[in-house]
N, C-alpha and C. Protein backbone atom coordinates (compact mmCIF):
# COMPACT_ATOMS: atom_id res chain seq x y z
N UNK A 1 69.32 75.68 119.04
CA UNK A 1 69.81 76.96 118.55
C UNK A 1 71.15 77.25 119.21
N UNK A 2 72.07 77.65 118.43
CA UNK A 2 73.41 77.97 118.94
C UNK A 2 73.35 79.25 119.77
N UNK A 3 74.34 79.43 120.58
CA UNK A 3 74.37 80.60 121.44
C UNK A 3 74.79 81.85 120.66
N UNK A 4 74.59 82.98 121.29
CA UNK A 4 74.97 84.26 120.69
C UNK A 4 76.48 84.27 120.45
N UNK A 5 77.22 83.74 121.38
CA UNK A 5 78.68 83.70 121.26
C UNK A 5 79.10 82.90 120.02
N UNK A 6 78.45 81.76 119.82
CA UNK A 6 78.78 80.94 118.65
C UNK A 6 78.42 81.65 117.35
N UNK A 7 77.30 82.38 117.35
CA UNK A 7 76.91 83.12 116.16
C UNK A 7 77.92 84.22 115.85
N UNK A 8 78.38 84.90 116.88
CA UNK A 8 79.39 85.94 116.68
C UNK A 8 80.69 85.34 116.13
N UNK A 9 81.07 84.17 116.64
CA UNK A 9 82.27 83.50 116.14
C UNK A 9 82.09 83.11 114.67
N UNK A 10 80.91 82.59 114.34
CA UNK A 10 80.64 82.21 112.95
C UNK A 10 80.75 83.41 112.02
N UNK A 11 80.17 84.52 112.44
CA UNK A 11 80.25 85.75 111.63
C UNK A 11 81.71 86.14 111.43
N UNK A 12 82.47 86.13 112.49
CA UNK A 12 83.88 86.50 112.42
C UNK A 12 84.67 85.56 111.52
N UNK A 13 84.49 84.26 111.71
CA UNK A 13 85.26 83.29 110.93
C UNK A 13 84.89 83.32 109.45
N UNK A 14 83.60 83.35 109.14
CA UNK A 14 83.17 83.31 107.74
C UNK A 14 83.68 84.54 107.00
N UNK A 15 83.46 85.72 107.56
CA UNK A 15 83.87 86.94 106.86
C UNK A 15 85.39 87.09 106.87
N UNK A 16 86.04 86.64 107.92
CA UNK A 16 87.50 86.66 107.96
C UNK A 16 88.10 85.75 106.90
N UNK A 17 87.48 84.59 106.71
CA UNK A 17 87.95 83.67 105.67
C UNK A 17 87.77 84.26 104.28
N UNK A 18 86.69 84.99 104.08
CA UNK A 18 86.48 85.63 102.77
C UNK A 18 87.55 86.68 102.51
N UNK A 19 87.86 87.48 103.52
CA UNK A 19 88.91 88.49 103.37
C UNK A 19 90.25 87.82 103.08
N UNK A 20 90.55 86.76 103.80
CA UNK A 20 91.80 86.03 103.57
C UNK A 20 91.85 85.45 102.16
N UNK A 21 90.72 84.96 101.68
CA UNK A 21 90.66 84.39 100.33
C UNK A 21 90.93 85.46 99.28
N UNK A 22 90.49 86.68 99.53
CA UNK A 22 90.77 87.77 98.59
C UNK A 22 92.27 87.98 98.48
N UNK A 23 92.96 88.01 99.61
CA UNK A 23 94.41 88.19 99.58
C UNK A 23 95.11 87.03 98.87
N UNK A 24 94.62 85.82 99.07
CA UNK A 24 95.22 84.65 98.42
C UNK A 24 95.03 84.72 96.91
N UNK A 25 93.82 85.06 96.47
CA UNK A 25 93.54 85.16 95.03
C UNK A 25 94.38 86.27 94.42
N UNK A 26 94.48 87.40 95.09
CA UNK A 26 95.29 88.49 94.57
C UNK A 26 96.76 88.09 94.47
N UNK A 27 97.26 87.40 95.46
CA UNK A 27 98.65 86.97 95.43
C UNK A 27 98.89 85.95 94.32
N UNK A 28 97.95 85.05 94.14
CA UNK A 28 98.10 84.02 93.11
C UNK A 28 98.06 84.61 91.70
N UNK A 29 97.32 85.69 91.54
CA UNK A 29 97.17 86.31 90.22
C UNK A 29 98.06 87.54 90.03
N UNK A 30 98.96 87.78 90.97
CA UNK A 30 99.83 88.96 90.94
C UNK A 30 99.06 90.26 90.77
N UNK A 31 97.95 90.38 91.49
CA UNK A 31 97.12 91.58 91.45
C UNK A 31 97.04 92.16 92.87
N UNK A 32 98.10 92.70 93.35
CA UNK A 32 98.10 93.27 94.69
C UNK A 32 97.21 94.50 94.73
N UNK A 33 96.37 94.61 95.75
CA UNK A 33 95.51 95.76 96.00
C UNK A 33 94.62 96.11 94.81
N UNK A 34 93.95 95.12 94.25
CA UNK A 34 93.06 95.38 93.13
C UNK A 34 91.78 96.06 93.62
N UNK A 35 91.14 96.79 92.74
CA UNK A 35 89.89 97.49 93.09
C UNK A 35 88.79 96.48 93.42
N UNK A 36 88.75 95.39 92.67
CA UNK A 36 87.73 94.37 92.92
C UNK A 36 87.91 93.73 94.29
N UNK A 37 89.16 93.44 94.63
CA UNK A 37 89.45 92.85 95.94
C UNK A 37 89.12 93.79 97.07
N UNK A 38 89.44 95.07 96.89
CA UNK A 38 89.14 96.07 97.92
C UNK A 38 87.63 96.19 98.11
N UNK A 39 86.89 96.09 97.03
CA UNK A 39 85.42 96.18 97.12
C UNK A 39 84.86 95.01 97.93
N UNK A 40 85.40 93.82 97.70
CA UNK A 40 84.93 92.64 98.43
C UNK A 40 85.29 92.75 99.91
N UNK A 41 86.50 93.21 100.19
CA UNK A 41 86.93 93.37 101.58
C UNK A 41 86.06 94.40 102.29
N UNK A 42 85.80 95.53 101.63
CA UNK A 42 84.93 96.55 102.22
C UNK A 42 83.53 95.99 102.47
N UNK A 43 83.03 95.19 101.53
CA UNK A 43 81.72 94.57 101.71
C UNK A 43 81.69 93.62 102.90
N UNK A 44 82.77 92.86 103.08
CA UNK A 44 82.85 91.93 104.21
C UNK A 44 82.88 92.69 105.53
N UNK A 45 83.61 93.79 105.57
CA UNK A 45 83.69 94.58 106.80
C UNK A 45 82.35 95.22 107.12
N UNK A 46 81.68 95.77 106.11
CA UNK A 46 80.36 96.36 106.33
C UNK A 46 79.36 95.31 106.80
N UNK A 47 79.43 94.13 106.20
CA UNK A 47 78.55 93.03 106.59
C UNK A 47 78.82 92.63 108.03
N UNK A 48 80.09 92.53 108.40
CA UNK A 48 80.46 92.18 109.77
C UNK A 48 79.87 93.19 110.76
N UNK A 49 80.09 94.47 110.49
CA UNK A 49 79.59 95.50 111.39
C UNK A 49 78.07 95.45 111.53
N UNK A 50 77.38 95.28 110.41
CA UNK A 50 75.92 95.24 110.45
C UNK A 50 75.38 94.03 111.19
N UNK A 51 75.97 92.87 110.94
CA UNK A 51 75.49 91.65 111.59
C UNK A 51 75.77 91.65 113.08
N UNK A 52 76.94 92.11 113.48
CA UNK A 52 77.26 92.17 114.91
C UNK A 52 76.31 93.14 115.62
N UNK A 53 75.99 94.26 114.98
CA UNK A 53 75.04 95.21 115.56
C UNK A 53 73.67 94.55 115.74
N UNK A 54 73.26 93.75 114.76
CA UNK A 54 71.97 93.06 114.87
C UNK A 54 71.99 92.01 115.97
N UNK A 55 73.10 91.28 116.10
CA UNK A 55 73.19 90.27 117.15
C UNK A 55 73.13 90.94 118.53
N UNK A 56 73.75 92.09 118.67
CA UNK A 56 73.80 92.78 119.96
C UNK A 56 72.53 93.55 120.29
N UNK A 57 71.59 93.61 119.36
CA UNK A 57 70.34 94.34 119.58
C UNK A 57 69.58 93.70 120.73
N UNK A 58 69.18 94.50 121.69
CA UNK A 58 68.55 93.98 122.91
C UNK A 58 67.03 93.99 122.87
N UNK A 59 66.43 94.91 122.16
CA UNK A 59 64.97 95.07 122.22
C UNK A 59 64.25 94.31 121.10
N UNK A 60 64.46 93.00 121.07
CA UNK A 60 63.77 92.15 120.10
C UNK A 60 62.72 91.32 120.83
N UNK A 61 61.60 91.09 120.15
CA UNK A 61 60.52 90.34 120.80
C UNK A 61 60.83 88.85 120.87
N UNK A 62 61.21 88.28 119.75
CA UNK A 62 61.50 86.85 119.69
C UNK A 62 62.98 86.68 119.37
N UNK A 63 63.78 86.47 120.40
CA UNK A 63 65.24 86.42 120.22
C UNK A 63 65.66 85.26 119.32
N UNK A 64 65.03 84.11 119.47
CA UNK A 64 65.41 82.95 118.67
C UNK A 64 65.17 83.21 117.19
N UNK A 65 64.03 83.78 116.84
CA UNK A 65 63.72 84.09 115.45
C UNK A 65 64.66 85.17 114.92
N UNK A 66 64.97 86.14 115.76
CA UNK A 66 65.87 87.22 115.37
C UNK A 66 67.27 86.68 115.04
N UNK A 67 67.79 85.84 115.90
CA UNK A 67 69.12 85.28 115.66
C UNK A 67 69.12 84.34 114.46
N UNK A 68 68.02 83.65 114.24
CA UNK A 68 67.90 82.80 113.06
C UNK A 68 67.94 83.65 111.79
N UNK A 69 67.29 84.79 111.83
CA UNK A 69 67.29 85.69 110.68
C UNK A 69 68.69 86.24 110.44
N UNK A 70 69.42 86.54 111.50
CA UNK A 70 70.79 87.03 111.36
C UNK A 70 71.67 85.95 110.73
N UNK A 71 71.53 84.72 111.17
CA UNK A 71 72.31 83.61 110.61
C UNK A 71 71.98 83.44 109.12
N UNK A 72 70.72 83.54 108.78
CA UNK A 72 70.31 83.42 107.38
C UNK A 72 70.89 84.56 106.54
N UNK A 73 70.88 85.77 107.10
CA UNK A 73 71.46 86.91 106.40
C UNK A 73 72.96 86.73 106.20
N UNK A 74 73.65 86.16 107.20
CA UNK A 74 75.08 85.87 107.08
C UNK A 74 75.32 84.93 105.89
N UNK A 75 74.53 83.89 105.80
CA UNK A 75 74.70 82.93 104.71
C UNK A 75 74.49 83.59 103.35
N UNK A 76 73.45 84.41 103.25
CA UNK A 76 73.13 85.08 101.99
C UNK A 76 74.23 86.04 101.57
N UNK A 77 74.66 86.88 102.50
CA UNK A 77 75.67 87.87 102.17
C UNK A 77 77.04 87.23 101.92
N UNK A 78 77.37 86.19 102.67
CA UNK A 78 78.65 85.50 102.46
C UNK A 78 78.66 84.84 101.08
N UNK A 79 77.55 84.24 100.68
CA UNK A 79 77.47 83.63 99.35
C UNK A 79 77.66 84.69 98.27
N UNK A 80 77.07 85.84 98.46
CA UNK A 80 77.21 86.92 97.49
C UNK A 80 78.66 87.38 97.38
N UNK A 81 79.33 87.52 98.52
CA UNK A 81 80.75 87.93 98.51
C UNK A 81 81.62 86.87 97.85
N UNK A 82 81.33 85.60 98.11
CA UNK A 82 82.11 84.53 97.49
C UNK A 82 81.89 84.51 95.98
N UNK A 83 80.67 84.77 95.55
CA UNK A 83 80.39 84.84 94.12
C UNK A 83 81.20 85.96 93.46
N UNK A 84 81.29 87.11 94.14
CA UNK A 84 82.12 88.22 93.62
C UNK A 84 83.59 87.82 93.58
N UNK A 85 84.04 87.12 94.61
CA UNK A 85 85.43 86.67 94.65
C UNK A 85 85.73 85.70 93.51
N UNK A 86 84.80 84.83 93.22
CA UNK A 86 85.00 83.86 92.13
C UNK A 86 85.12 84.55 90.78
N UNK A 87 84.51 85.71 90.63
CA UNK A 87 84.60 86.45 89.37
C UNK A 87 86.00 87.02 89.13
N UNK A 88 86.71 87.36 90.23
CA UNK A 88 88.04 87.97 90.03
C UNK A 88 89.15 86.91 89.95
N UNK A 89 88.84 85.68 90.29
CA UNK A 89 89.90 84.66 90.28
C UNK A 89 90.07 84.01 88.94
């Protein structure tokens, strides 16, 4: 199992890459500050805040299972955001 630090880095990198991809798609399509892009960025930020709060939660019974669930949630939510991004490109 990866460390908490590595999980936090993964959360940051994955969601940061999604936000960057929104800007790239908008620039490629000449759609600066589109509503769809803003929605995806807001979703990524909300997901980041929620997942980091879960990782930092101290009163969990089984830490390994808890962190595994957080990693699984990251994958699910990131896939959903990427699917939304693919719709606007």
